[in-house]
Amino acid sequence: MVIMTVAEEIIAELEQLHAVETSPGMAAVALDLAKAIDDADVAGAKARAAHELRSIMADLRRLAPVESKGDAVDDIAEQRAKRRAAARERASG
């Protein structure tokens, strides 16, 4: 198991959310907070930074572009195409 820093984890999530493109200022603040958590020695300072980071990341997740992965109609169409191909294969021999 590889343990990553908070900043490394946040960078990965920011990339996944395309946050630098959609909300560059908020992404920069999130990264600064993550680094502050990694560098803090006082539990109270870590807790405050984590609270703010959680809030900003929630906002960034809401602002992230929605990726189209298909819906139930696409799934039904794909299943129908598979059934038709199987039927054609059986009919042709």
PDB file of N, CA and C in Angstrom:
ATOM      1  N   MET A   1       0.843  -1.186   0.000  1.00  0.00           N
ATOM      2  CA  MET A   1       0.000   0.000   0.000  1.00  0.00           C
ATOM      3  C   MET A   1       0.884   1.244   0.000  1.00  0.00           C
ATOM      4  N   VAL A   2       0.603   2.137  -0.902  1.00  0.00           N
ATOM      5  CA  VAL A   2       1.360   3.376  -1.001  1.00  0.00           C
ATOM      6  C   VAL A   2       0.559   4.483  -0.328  1.00  0.00           C
ATOM      7  N   ILE A   3       1.192   5.145   0.607  1.00  0.00           N
ATOM      8  CA  ILE A   3       0.526   6.254   1.291  1.00  0.00           C
ATOM      9  C   ILE A   3       0.968   7.546   0.620  1.00  0.00           C
ATOM     10  N   MET A   4      -0.016   8.272   0.116  1.00  0.00           N
ATOM     11  CA  MET A   4       0.271   9.530  -0.564  1.00  0.00           C
ATOM     12  C   MET A   4      -0.018  10.685   0.381  1.00  0.00           C
ATOM     13  N   THR A   5       0.565  11.830   0.099  1.00  0.00           N
ATOM     14  CA  THR A   5       0.280  13.015   0.893  1.00  0.00           C
ATOM     15  C   THR A   5      -1.109  13.532   0.538  1.00  0.00           C
ATOM     16  N   VAL A   6      -1.623  14.381   1.376  1.00  0.00           N
ATOM     17  CA  VAL A   6      -2.926  14.995   1.091  1.00  0.00           C
ATOM     18  C   VAL A   6      -2.831  15.788  -0.208  1.00  0.00           C
ATOM     19  N   ALA A   7      -1.730  16.501  -0.380  1.00  0.00           N
ATOM     20  CA  ALA A   7      -1.561  17.304  -1.595  1.00  0.00           C
ATOM     21  C   ALA A   7      -1.564  16.416  -2.842  1.00  0.00           C
ATOM     22  N   GLU A   8      -0.893  15.267  -2.782  1.00  0.00           N
ATOM     23  CA  GLU A   8      -0.878  14.363  -3.938  1.00  0.00           C
ATOM     24  C   GLU A   8      -2.278  13.841  -4.255  1.00  0.00           C
ATOM     25  N   GLU A   9      -3.020  13.511  -3.224  1.00  0.00           N
ATOM     26  CA  GLU A   9      -4.390  13.029  -3.422  1.00  0.00           C
ATOM     27  C   GLU A   9      -5.274  14.123  -4.017  1.00  0.00           C
ATOM     28  N   ILE A  10      -5.120  15.337  -3.523  1.00  0.00           N
ATOM     29  CA  ILE A  10      -5.925  16.457  -4.016  1.00  0.00           C
ATOM     30  C   ILE A  10      -5.561  16.768  -5.465  1.00  0.00           C
ATOM     31  N   ILE A  11      -4.280  16.722  -5.803  1.00  0.00           N
ATOM     32  CA  ILE A  11      -3.871  16.952  -7.195  1.00  0.00           C
ATOM     33  C   ILE A  11      -4.549  15.943  -8.107  1.00  0.00           C
ATOM     34  N   ALA A  12      -4.555  14.678  -7.701  1.00  0.00           N
ATOM     35  CA  ALA A  12      -5.193  13.638  -8.514  1.00  0.00           C
ATOM     36  C   ALA A  12      -6.682  13.912  -8.685  1.00  0.00           C
ATOM     37  N   GLU A  13      -7.345  14.310  -7.608  1.00  0.00           N
ATOM     38  CA  GLU A  13      -8.783  14.573  -7.718  1.00  0.00           C
ATOM     39  C   GLU A  13      -9.058  15.827  -8.540  1.00  0.00           C
ATOM     40  N   LEU A  14      -8.234  16.861  -8.374  1.00  0.00           N
ATOM     41  CA  LEU A  14      -8.410  18.079  -9.164  1.00  0.00           C
ATOM     42  C   LEU A  14      -8.286  17.781 -10.655  1.00  0.00           C
ATOM     43  N   GLU A  15      -7.337  16.902 -11.010  1.00  0.00           N
ATOM     44  CA  GLU A  15      -7.191  16.521 -12.416  1.00  0.00           C
ATOM     45  C   GLU A  15      -8.420  15.773 -12.903  1.00  0.00           C
ATOM     46  N   GLN A  16      -8.920  14.858 -12.081  1.00  0.00           N
ATOM     47  CA  GLN A  16     -10.105  14.077 -12.457  1.00  0.00           C
ATOM     48  C   GLN A  16     -11.320  14.982 -12.647  1.00  0.00           C
ATOM     49  N   LEU A  17     -11.424  16.015 -11.822  1.00  0.00           N
ATOM     50  CA  LEU A  17     -12.567  16.930 -11.886  1.00  0.00           C
ATOM     51  C   LEU A  17     -12.391  18.025 -12.940  1.00  0.00           C
ATOM     52  N   HIS A  18     -11.213  18.091 -13.565  1.00  0.00           N
ATOM     53  CA  HIS A  18     -10.898  19.171 -14.510  1.00  0.00           C
ATOM     54  C   HIS A  18     -11.062  20.529 -13.838  1.00  0.00           C
ATOM     55  N   ALA A  19     -10.722  20.585 -12.559  1.00  0.00           N
ATOM     56  CA  ALA A  19     -10.954  21.786 -11.764  1.00  0.00           C
ATOM     57  C   ALA A  19     -10.072  22.951 -12.172  1.00  0.00           C
ATOM     58  N   VAL A  20      -8.860  22.676 -12.642  1.00  0.00           N
ATOM     59  CA  VAL A  20      -7.968  23.769 -13.040  1.00  0.00           C
ATOM     60  C   VAL A  20      -8.555  24.517 -14.229  1.00  0.00           C
ATOM     61  N   GLU A  21      -9.252  23.791 -15.113  1.00  0.00           N
ATOM     62  CA  GLU A  21      -9.862  24.439 -16.271  1.00  0.00           C
ATOM     63  C   GLU A  21     -11.154  25.168 -15.904  1.00  0.00           C
ATOM     64  N   THR A  22     -11.949  24.572 -15.024  1.00  0.00           N
ATOM     65  CA  THR A  22     -13.261  25.149 -14.718  1.00  0.00           C
ATOM     66  C   THR A  22     -13.238  26.156 -13.584  1.00  0.00           C
ATOM     67  N   SER A  23     -12.377  25.949 -12.595  1.00  0.00           N
ATOM     68  CA  SER A  23     -12.324  26.832 -11.425  1.00  0.00           C
ATOM     69  C   SER A  23     -10.885  26.945 -10.927  1.00  0.00           C
ATOM     70  N   PRO A  24     -10.028  27.630 -11.688  1.00  0.00           N
ATOM     71  CA  PRO A  24      -8.605  27.647 -11.341  1.00  0.00           C
ATOM     72  C   PRO A  24      -8.295  28.254  -9.975  1.00  0.00           C
ATOM     73  N   GLY A  25      -9.028  29.270  -9.588  1.00  0.00           N
ATOM     74  CA  GLY A  25      -8.782  29.896  -8.279  1.00  0.00           C
ATOM     75  C   GLY A  25      -9.107  28.962  -7.128  1.00  0.00           C
ATOM     76  N   MET A  26     -10.249  28.326  -7.220  1.00  0.00           N
ATOM     77  CA  MET A  26     -10.643  27.389  -6.166  1.00  0.00           C
ATOM     78  C   MET A  26      -9.697  26.188  -6.141  1.00  0.00           C
ATOM     79  N   ALA A  27      -9.242  25.753  -7.290  1.00  0.00           N
ATOM     80  CA  ALA A  27      -8.302  24.632  -7.351  1.00  0.00           C
ATOM     81  C   ALA A  27      -6.993  25.008  -6.668  1.00  0.00           C
ATOM     82  N   ALA A  28      -6.532  26.228  -6.894  1.00  0.00           N
ATOM     83  CA  ALA A  28      -5.286  26.687  -6.272  1.00  0.00           C
ATOM     84  C   ALA A  28      -5.435  26.754  -4.753  1.00  0.00           C
ATOM     85  N   VAL A  29      -6.572  27.245  -4.284  1.00  0.00           N
ATOM     86  CA  VAL A  29      -6.808  27.310  -2.837  1.00  0.00           C
ATOM     87  C   VAL A  29      -6.872  25.907  -2.243  1.00  0.00           C
ATOM     88  N   ALA A  30      -7.515  24.992  -2.946  1.00  0.00           N
ATOM     89  CA  ALA A  30      -7.602  23.609  -2.460  1.00  0.00           C
ATOM     90  C   ALA A  30      -6.209  23.008  -2.331  1.00  0.00           C
ATOM     91  N   LEU A  31      -5.358  23.247  -3.305  1.00  0.00           N
ATOM     92  CA  LEU A  31      -4.005  22.713  -3.250  1.00  0.00           C
ATOM     93  C   LEU A  31      -3.209  23.354  -2.113  1.00  0.00           C
ATOM     94  N   ASP A  32      -3.367  24.653  -1.920  1.00  0.00           N
ATOM     95  CA  ASP A  32      -2.681  25.326  -0.804  1.00  0.00           C
ATOM     96  C   ASP A  32      -3.128  24.756   0.540  1.00  0.00           C
ATOM     97  N   LEU A  33      -4.424  24.518   0.685  1.00  0.00           N
ATOM     98  CA  LEU A  33      -4.929  23.936   1.933  1.00  0.00           C
ATOM     99  C   LEU A  33      -4.394  22.524   2.145  1.00  0.00           C
ATOM    100  N   ALA A  34      -4.327  21.752   1.072  1.00  0.00           N
ATOM    101  CA  ALA A  34      -3.800  20.390   1.178  1.00  0.00           C
ATOM    102  C   ALA A  34      -2.336  20.419   1.628  1.00  0.00           C
ATOM    103  N   LYS A  35      -1.558  21.330   1.059  1.00  0.00           N
ATOM    104  CA  LYS A  35      -0.158  21.464   1.464  1.00  0.00           C
ATOM    105  C   LYS A  35      -0.058  21.910   2.922  1.00  0.00           C
ATOM    106  N   ALA A  36      -0.972  22.802   3.348  1.00  0.00           N
ATOM    107  CA  ALA A  36      -0.977  23.258   4.738  1.00  0.00           C
ATOM    108  C   ALA A  36      -1.265  22.097   5.690  1.00  0.00           C
ATOM    109  N   ILE A  37      -2.156  21.208   5.285  1.00  0.00           N
ATOM    110  CA  ILE A  37      -2.459  20.026   6.109  1.00  0.00           C
ATOM    111  C   ILE A  37      -1.212  19.146   6.213  1.00  0.00           C
ATOM    112  N   ASP A  38      -0.541  18.928   5.093  1.00  0.00           N
ATOM    113  CA  ASP A  38       0.667  18.100   5.099  1.00  0.00           C
ATOM    114  C   ASP A  38       1.767  18.709   5.967  1.00  0.00           C
ATOM    115  N   ASP A  39       1.875  20.041   5.977  1.00  0.00           N
ATOM    116  CA  ASP A  39       2.964  20.718   6.681  1.00  0.00           C
ATOM    117  C   ASP A  39       2.648  21.056   8.130  1.00  0.00           C
ATOM    118  N   ALA A  40       1.383  21.017   8.516  1.00  0.00           N
ATOM    119  CA  ALA A  40       0.986  21.446   9.868  1.00  0.00           C
ATOM    120  C   ALA A  40       1.434  20.443  10.921  1.00  0.00           C
ATOM    121  N   ASP A  41       1.884  20.985  12.045  1.00  0.00           N
ATOM    122  CA  ASP A  41       2.274  20.160  13.187  1.00  0.00           C
ATOM    123  C   ASP A  41       1.224  20.197  14.288  1.00  0.00           C
ATOM    124  N   VAL A  42       0.369  21.198  14.251  1.00  0.00           N
ATOM    125  CA  VAL A  42      -0.645  21.383  15.285  1.00  0.00           C
ATOM    126  C   VAL A  42      -1.962  20.789  14.805  1.00  0.00           C
ATOM    127  N   ALA A  43      -2.556  19.937  15.627  1.00  0.00           N
ATOM    128  CA  ALA A  43      -3.792  19.250  15.234  1.00  0.00           C
ATOM    129  C   ALA A  43      -4.912  20.234  14.920  1.00  0.00           C
ATOM    130  N   GLY A  44      -5.012  21.304  15.676  1.00  0.00           N
ATOM    131  CA  GLY A  44      -6.062  22.292  15.441  1.00  0.00           C
ATOM    132  C   GLY A  44      -5.922  22.964  14.089  1.00  0.00           C
ATOM    133  N   ALA A  45      -4.686  23.258  13.700  1.00  0.00           N
ATOM    134  CA  ALA A  45      -4.441  23.879  12.395  1.00  0.00           C
ATOM    135  C   ALA A  45      -4.804  22.913  11.275  1.00  0.00           C
ATOM    136  N   LYS A  46      -4.457  21.630  11.456  1.00  0.00           N
ATOM    137  CA  LYS A  46      -4.822  20.621  10.457  1.00  0.00           C
ATOM    138  C   LYS A  46      -6.337  20.510  10.338  1.00  0.00           C
ATOM    139  N   ALA A  47      -7.020  20.519  11.465  1.00  0.00           N
ATOM    140  CA  ALA A  47      -8.475  20.371  11.467  1.00  0.00           C
ATOM    141  C   ALA A  47      -9.141  21.539  10.753  1.00  0.00           C
ATOM    142  N   ARG A  48      -8.677  22.760  11.021  1.00  0.00           N
ATOM    143  CA  ARG A  48      -9.268  23.932  10.355  1.00  0.00           C
ATOM    144  C   ARG A  48      -9.026  23.875   8.845  1.00  0.00           C
ATOM    145  N   ALA A  49      -7.811  23.538   8.454  1.00  0.00           N
ATOM    146  CA  ALA A  49      -7.503  23.452   7.031  1.00  0.00           C
ATOM    147  C   ALA A  49      -8.316  22.333   6.376  1.00  0.00           C
ATOM    148  N   ALA A  50      -8.457  21.203   7.061  1.00  0.00           N
ATOM    149  CA  ALA A  50      -9.234  20.085   6.516  1.00  0.00           C
ATOM    150  C   ALA A  50     -10.698  20.462   6.345  1.00  0.00           C
ATOM    151  N   HIS A  51     -11.232  21.217   7.305  1.00  0.00           N
ATOM    152  CA  HIS A  51     -12.629  21.656   7.218  1.00  0.00           C
ATOM    153  C   HIS A  51     -12.827  22.536   5.982  1.00  0.00           C
ATOM    154  N   GLU A  52     -11.930  23.481   5.786  1.00  0.00           N
ATOM    155  CA  GLU A  52     -12.033  24.371   4.628  1.00  0.00           C
ATOM    156  C   GLU A  52     -11.814  23.596   3.323  1.00  0.00           C
ATOM    157  N   LEU A  53     -10.858  22.674   3.340  1.00  0.00           N
ATOM    158  CA  LEU A  53     -10.586  21.880   2.144  1.00  0.00           C
ATOM    159  C   LEU A  53     -11.798  21.040   1.768  1.00  0.00           C
ATOM    160  N   ARG A  54     -12.437  20.442   2.755  1.00  0.00           N
ATOM    161  CA  ARG A  54     -13.629  19.628   2.482  1.00  0.00           C
ATOM    162  C   ARG A  54     -14.711  20.480   1.831  1.00  0.00           C
ATOM    163  N   SER A  55     -14.890  21.688   2.300  1.00  0.00           N
ATOM    164  CA  SER A  55     -15.901  22.587   1.742  1.00  0.00           C
ATOM    165  C   SER A  55     -15.577  22.972   0.298  1.00  0.00           C
ATOM    166  N   ILE A  56     -14.339  23.323   0.043  1.00  0.00           N
ATOM    167  CA  ILE A  56     -13.950  23.718  -1.308  1.00  0.00           C
ATOM    168  C   ILE A  56     -14.055  22.538  -2.274  1.00  0.00           C
ATOM    169  N   MET A  57     -13.628  21.360  -1.821  1.00  0.00           N
ATOM    170  CA  MET A  57     -13.703  20.190  -2.701  1.00  0.00           C
ATOM    171  C   MET A  57     -15.157  19.830  -3.010  1.00  0.00           C
ATOM    172  N   ALA A  58     -16.047  20.014  -2.054  1.00  0.00           N
ATOM    173  CA  ALA A  58     -17.472  19.753  -2.314  1.00  0.00           C
ATOM    174  C   ALA A  58     -17.981  20.708  -3.400  1.00  0.00           C
ATOM    175  N   ASP A  59     -17.576  21.971  -3.314  1.00  0.00           N
ATOM    176  CA  ASP A  59     -17.974  22.938  -4.341  1.00  0.00           C
ATOM    177  C   ASP A  59     -17.395  22.562  -5.704  1.00  0.00           C
ATOM    178  N   LEU A  60     -16.132  22.168  -5.726  1.00  0.00           N
ATOM    179  CA  LEU A  60     -15.498  21.786  -6.993  1.00  0.00           C
ATOM    180  C   LEU A  60     -16.167  20.558  -7.603  1.00  0.00           C
ATOM    181  N   ARG A  61     -16.573  19.619  -6.766  1.00  0.00           N
ATOM    182  CA  ARG A  61     -17.265  18.429  -7.289  1.00  0.00           C
ATOM    183  C   ARG A  61     -18.598  18.808  -7.920  1.00  0.00           C
ATOM    184  N   ARG A  62     -19.292  19.758  -7.308  1.00  0.00           N
ATOM    185  CA  ARG A  62     -20.573  20.209  -7.871  1.00  0.00           C
ATOM    186  C   ARG A  62     -20.369  20.954  -9.186  1.00  0.00           C
ATOM    187  N   LEU A  63     -19.249  21.666  -9.309  1.00  0.00           N
ATOM    188  CA  LEU A  63     -18.981  22.464 -10.506  1.00  0.00           C
ATOM    189  C   LEU A  63     -18.344  21.659 -11.629  1.00  0.00           C
ATOM    190  N   ALA A  64     -17.927  20.458 -11.346  1.00  0.00           N
ATOM    191  CA  ALA A  64     -17.231  19.635 -12.342  1.00  0.00           C
ATOM    192  C   ALA A  64     -18.154  19.317 -13.508  1.00  0.00           C
ATOM    193  N   PRO A  65     -17.592  19.303 -14.718  1.00  0.00           N
ATOM    194  CA  PRO A  65     -18.408  18.939 -15.881  1.00  0.00           C
ATOM    195  C   PRO A  65     -18.876  17.494 -15.765  1.00  0.00           C
ATOM    196  N   VAL A  66     -20.084  17.251 -16.191  1.00  0.00           N
ATOM    197  CA  VAL A  66     -20.665  15.917 -16.130  1.00  0.00           C
ATOM    198  C   VAL A  66     -20.164  15.127 -17.329  1.00  0.00           C
ATOM    199  N   GLU A  67     -19.617  13.958 -17.052  1.00  0.00           N
ATOM    200  CA  GLU A  67     -19.153  13.101 -18.131  1.00  0.00           C
ATOM    201  C   GLU A  67     -20.285  12.196 -18.566  1.00  0.00           C
ATOM    202  N   SER A  68     -20.503  12.152 -19.853  1.00  0.00           N
ATOM    203  CA  SER A  68     -21.567  11.314 -20.393  1.00  0.00           C
ATOM    204  C   SER A  68     -21.063   9.886 -20.537  1.00  0.00           C
ATOM    205  N   LYS A  69     -21.647   8.972 -19.795  1.00  0.00           N
ATOM    206  CA  LYS A  69     -21.247   7.570 -19.856  1.00  0.00           C
ATOM    207  C   LYS A  69     -22.352   6.708 -20.417  1.00  0.00           C
ATOM    208  N   GLY A  70     -23.386   7.316 -20.917  1.00  0.00           N
ATOM    209  CA  GLY A  70     -24.507   6.543 -21.435  1.00  0.00           C
ATOM    210  C   GLY A  70     -25.585   6.422 -20.372  1.00  0.00           C
ATOM    211  N   ASP A  71     -26.757   6.032 -20.822  1.00  0.00           N
ATOM    212  CA  ASP A  71     -27.871   5.887 -19.893  1.00  0.00           C
ATOM    213  C   ASP A  71     -28.574   4.568 -20.171  1.00  0.00           C
ATOM    214  N   ALA A  72     -29.718   4.383 -19.564  1.00  0.00           N
ATOM    215  CA  ALA A  72     -30.460   3.131 -19.706  1.00  0.00           C
ATOM    216  C   ALA A  72     -30.866   2.889 -21.160  1.00  0.00           C
ATOM    217  N   VAL A  73     -31.209   3.936 -21.884  1.00  0.00           N
ATOM    218  CA  VAL A  73     -31.598   3.785 -23.291  1.00  0.00           C
ATOM    219  C   VAL A  73     -30.413   3.261 -24.100  1.00  0.00           C
ATOM    220  N   ASP A  74     -29.214   3.797 -23.833  1.00  0.00           N
ATOM    221  CA  ASP A  74     -28.021   3.314 -24.526  1.00  0.00           C
ATOM    222  C   ASP A  74     -27.752   1.851 -24.196  1.00  0.00           C
ATOM    223  N   ASP A  75     -27.953   1.480 -22.935  1.00  0.00           N
ATOM    224  CA  ASP A  75     -27.752   0.089 -22.525  1.00  0.00           C
ATOM    225  C   ASP A  75     -28.725  -0.844 -23.248  1.00  0.00           C
ATOM    226  N   ILE A  76     -29.976  -0.438 -23.337  1.00  0.00           N
ATOM    227  CA  ILE A  76     -30.992  -1.250 -24.023  1.00  0.00           C
ATOM    228  C   ILE A  76     -30.642  -1.395 -25.502  1.00  0.00           C
ATOM    229  N   ALA A  77     -30.216  -0.298 -26.126  1.00  0.00           N
ATOM    230  CA  ALA A  77     -29.849  -0.343 -27.543  1.00  0.00           C
ATOM    231  C   ALA A  77     -28.653  -1.272 -27.761  1.00  0.00           C
ATOM    232  N   GLU A  78     -27.699  -1.230 -26.852  1.00  0.00           N
ATOM    233  CA  GLU A  78     -26.533  -2.103 -26.970  1.00  0.00           C
ATOM    234  C   GLU A  78     -26.929  -3.572 -26.820  1.00  0.00           C
ATOM    235  N   GLN A  79     -27.799  -3.856 -25.870  1.00  0.00           N
ATOM    236  CA  GLN A  79     -28.266  -5.234 -25.682  1.00  0.00           C
ATOM    237  C   GLN A  79     -29.035  -5.723 -26.915  1.00  0.00           C
ATOM    238  N   ARG A  80     -29.872  -4.859 -27.481  1.00  0.00           N
ATOM    239  CA  ARG A  80     -30.638  -5.206 -28.675  1.00  0.00           C
ATOM    240  C   ARG A  80     -29.700  -5.513 -29.837  1.00  0.00           C
ATOM    241  N   ALA A  81     -28.668  -4.702 -30.007  1.00  0.00           N
ATOM    242  CA  ALA A  81     -27.712  -4.929 -31.086  1.00  0.00           C
ATOM    243  C   ALA A  81     -27.004  -6.271 -30.911  1.00  0.00           C
ATOM    244  N   LYS A  82     -26.660  -6.616 -29.678  1.00  0.00           N
ATOM    245  CA  LYS A  82     -26.014  -7.905 -29.424  1.00  0.00           C
ATOM    246  C   LYS A  82     -26.957  -9.066 -29.747  1.00  0.00           C
ATOM    247  N   ARG A  83     -28.228  -8.929 -29.361  1.00  0.00           N
ATOM    248  CA  ARG A  83     -29.202  -9.992 -29.647  1.00  0.00           C
ATOM    249  C   ARG A  83     -29.393 -10.161 -31.149  1.00  0.00           C
ATOM    250  N   ARG A  84     -29.478  -9.052 -31.874  1.00  0.00           N
ATOM    251  CA  ARG A  84     -29.663  -9.123 -33.332  1.00  0.00           C
ATOM    252  C   ARG A  84     -28.462  -9.756 -33.993  1.00  0.00           C
ATOM    253  N   ALA A  85     -27.265  -9.405 -33.545  1.00  0.00           N
ATOM    254  CA  ALA A  85     -26.049  -9.994 -34.128  1.00  0.00           C
ATOM    255  C   ALA A  85     -26.020 -11.500 -33.849  1.00  0.00           C
ATOM    256  N   ALA A  86     -26.407 -11.902 -32.656  1.00  0.00           N
ATOM    257  CA  ALA A  86     -26.425 -13.323 -32.322  1.00  0.00           C
ATOM    258  C   ALA A  86     -27.476 -14.047 -33.167  1.00  0.00           C
ATOM    259  N   ALA A  87     -28.629 -13.429 -33.379  1.00  0.00           N
ATOM    260  CA  ALA A  87     -29.688 -14.034 -34.192  1.00  0.00           C
ATOM    261  C   ALA A  87     -29.241 -14.174 -35.638  1.00  0.00           C
ATOM    262  N   ARG A  88     -28.559 -13.149 -36.170  1.00  0.00           N
ATOM    263  CA  ARG A  88     -28.041 -13.215 -37.542  1.00  0.00           C
ATOM    264  C   ARG A  88     -27.017 -14.340 -37.675  1.00  0.00           C
ATOM    265  N   GLU A  89     -26.192 -14.487 -36.674  1.00  0.00           N
ATOM    266  CA  GLU A  89     -25.162 -15.518 -36.701  1.00  0.00           C
ATOM    267  C   GLU A  89     -25.813 -16.912 -36.689  1.00  0.00           C
ATOM    268  N   ARG A  90     -26.828 -17.085 -35.849  1.00  0.00           N
ATOM    269  CA  ARG A  90     -27.530 -18.375 -35.802  1.00  0.00           C
ATOM    270  C   ARG A  90     -28.248 -18.663 -37.120  1.00  0.00           C
ATOM    271  N   ALA A  91     -28.836 -17.631 -37.722  1.00  0.00           N
ATOM    272  CA  ALA A  91     -29.595 -17.807 -38.954  1.00  0.00           C
ATOM    273  C   ALA A  91     -28.666 -18.133 -40.135  1.00  0.00           C
ATOM    274  N   SER A  92     -27.454 -17.600 -40.110  1.00  0.00           N
ATOM    275  CA  SER A  92     -26.568 -17.833 -41.237  1.00  0.00           C
ATOM    276  C   SER A  92     -25.813 -19.159 -41.129  1.00  0.00           C
ATOM    277  N   GLY A  93     -25.928 -19.788 -40.029  1.00  0.00           N
ATOM    278  CA  GLY A  93     -25.378 -21.122 -40.004  1.00  0.00           C
ATOM    279  C   GLY A  93     -24.461 -21.363 -38.913  1.00  0.00           C
TER     280      GLY A  93
END
